[in-house]
C-alpha atoms as a PDB file:
ATOM      1  CA  UNK A   1      22.839   7.132  14.634  1.00  0.00           C
ATOM      2  CA  UNK A   2      22.499   3.821  12.873  1.00  0.00           C
ATOM      3  CA  UNK A   3      20.971   0.871  14.785  1.00  0.00           C
ATOM      4  CA  UNK A   4      24.301  -0.979  14.699  1.00  0.00           C
ATOM      5  CA  UNK A   5      26.039   1.992  16.330  1.00  0.00           C
ATOM      6  CA  UNK A   6      23.323   2.280  18.953  1.00  0.00           C
ATOM      7  CA  UNK A   7      23.673  -1.410  19.773  1.00  0.00           C
ATOM      8  CA  UNK A   8      27.457  -1.115  19.994  1.00  0.00           C
ATOM      9  CA  UNK A   9      27.346   1.786  22.450  1.00  0.00           C
ATOM     10  CA  UNK A  10      24.601   0.192  24.539  1.00  0.00           C
ATOM     11  CA  UNK A  11      26.545  -3.067  24.814  1.00  0.00           C
ATOM     12  CA  UNK A  12      29.654  -1.117  25.813  1.00  0.00           C
ATOM     13  CA  UNK A  13      27.653   0.660  28.512  1.00  0.00           C
ATOM     14  CA  UNK A  14      26.276  -2.629  29.868  1.00  0.00           C
ATOM     15  CA  UNK A  15      29.777  -4.130  29.971  1.00  0.00           C
ATOM     16  CA  UNK A  16      31.207  -1.083  31.742  1.00  0.00           C
ATOM     17  CA  UNK A  17      28.376  -1.160  34.264  1.00  0.00           C
ATOM     18  CA  UNK A  18      28.939  -4.861  34.899  1.00  0.00           C
ATOM     19  CA  UNK A  19      32.655  -4.323  35.470  1.00  0.00           C
ATOM     20  CA  UNK A  20      31.985  -1.392  37.790  1.00  0.00           C
ATOM     21  CA  UNK A  21      29.175  -2.901  39.859  1.00  0.00           C
ATOM     22  CA  UNK A  22      29.597  -6.701  39.747  1.00  0.00           C
ATOM     23  CA  UNK A  23      31.777  -6.805  42.828  1.00  0.00           C
ATOM     24  CA  UNK A  24      34.195  -9.076  40.973  1.00  0.00           C
ATOM     25  CA  UNK A  25      37.891  -8.484  40.492  1.00  0.00           C
ATOM     26  CA  UNK A  26      38.591  -6.881  37.082  1.00  0.00           C
ATOM     27  CA  UNK A  27      40.056 -10.068  35.579  1.00  0.00           C
ATOM     28  CA  UNK A  28      37.173 -12.217  36.847  1.00  0.00           C
ATOM     29  CA  UNK A  29      34.596  -9.707  35.565  1.00  0.00           C
ATOM     30  CA  UNK A  30      36.190  -9.810  32.119  1.00  0.00           C
ATOM     31  CA  UNK A  31      36.222 -13.614  32.127  1.00  0.00           C
ATOM     32  CA  UNK A  32      32.520 -13.711  32.999  1.00  0.00           C
ATOM     33  CA  UNK A  33      31.626 -11.173  30.315  1.00  0.00           C
ATOM     34  CA  UNK A  34      33.614 -13.037  27.651  1.00  0.00           C
ATOM     35  CA  UNK A  35      31.962 -16.334  28.587  1.00  0.00           C
ATOM     36  CA  UNK A  36      28.466 -14.842  28.527  1.00  0.00           C
ATOM     37  CA  UNK A  37      29.039 -13.074  25.201  1.00  0.00           C
ATOM     38  CA  UNK A  38      30.431 -16.258  23.646  1.00  0.00           C
ATOM     39  CA  UNK A  39      27.351 -18.173  24.765  1.00  0.00           C
ATOM     40  CA  UNK A  40      25.037 -15.468  23.442  1.00  0.00           C
ATOM     41  CA  UNK A  41      26.914 -15.383  20.158  1.00  0.00           C
ATOM     42  CA  UNK A  42      26.667 -19.166  19.781  1.00  0.00           C
ATOM     43  CA  UNK A  43      22.909 -19.026  20.393  1.00  0.00           C
ATOM     44  CA  UNK A  44      22.476 -16.223  17.887  1.00  0.00           C
ATOM     45  CA  UNK A  45      24.604 -17.981  15.268  1.00  0.00           C
ATOM     46  CA  UNK A  46      22.484 -21.115  15.666  1.00  0.00           C
ATOM     47  CA  UNK A  47      19.316 -19.058  15.288  1.00  0.00           C
ATOM     48  CA  UNK A  48      20.707 -17.348  12.209  1.00  0.00           C
ATOM     49  CA  UNK A  49      21.627 -20.704  10.694  1.00  0.00           C
ATOM     50  CA  UNK A  50      18.059 -21.895  11.190  1.00  0.00           C
ATOM     51  CA  UNK A  51      16.699 -18.761   9.554  1.00  0.00           C
ATOM     52  CA  UNK A  52      18.978 -19.111   6.538  1.00  0.00           C
ATOM     53  CA  UNK A  53      18.024 -22.747   5.883  1.00  0.00           C
ATOM     54  CA  UNK A  54      15.856 -23.191   2.789  1.00  0.00           C
ATOM     55  CA  UNK A  55      12.162 -23.323   3.634  1.00  0.00           C
ATOM     56  CA  UNK A  56      12.570 -21.969   7.139  1.00  0.00           C
ATOM     57  CA  UNK A  57      10.112 -19.486   8.577  1.00  0.00           C
ATOM     58  CA  UNK A  58      10.928 -17.010  11.334  1.00  0.00           C
ATOM     59  CA  UNK A  59       9.457 -17.974  14.697  1.00  0.00           C
ATOM     60  CA  UNK A  60       9.288 -14.346  15.825  1.00  0.00           C
ATOM     61  CA  UNK A  61       8.983 -10.904  14.324  1.00  0.00           C
ATOM     62  CA  UNK A  62      11.982  -8.894  13.084  1.00  0.00           C
ATOM     63  CA  UNK A  63      11.944  -6.617  16.134  1.00  0.00           C
ATOM     64  CA  UNK A  64      11.817  -9.379  18.758  1.00  0.00           C
ATOM     65  CA  UNK A  65      15.601  -9.893  18.830  1.00  0.00           C
ATOM     66  CA  UNK A  66      16.209  -6.221  19.631  1.00  0.00           C
ATOM     67  CA  UNK A  67      13.511  -5.982  22.286  1.00  0.00           C
ATOM     68  CA  UNK A  68      14.617  -6.075  25.894  1.00  0.00           C
ATOM     69  CA  UNK A  69      13.361  -9.036  27.874  1.00  0.00           C
ATOM     70  CA  UNK A  70      10.961  -8.154  30.650  1.00  0.00           C
END
């Protein structure tokens, strides 16, 4: 499986687990997940913009973004 497919399925699993075990009502759980993903996306878009600027150098290695924290 391609890395993009692996990421997709892993993110789906995390979202399903959150919905199942968060203790929130389904609508509230979805709202929280959407908000968190939007914030993550905004951070990643900002990081990508910095990396695509002329003369920029990556602050971390290519595998750091895919590594789990902790």
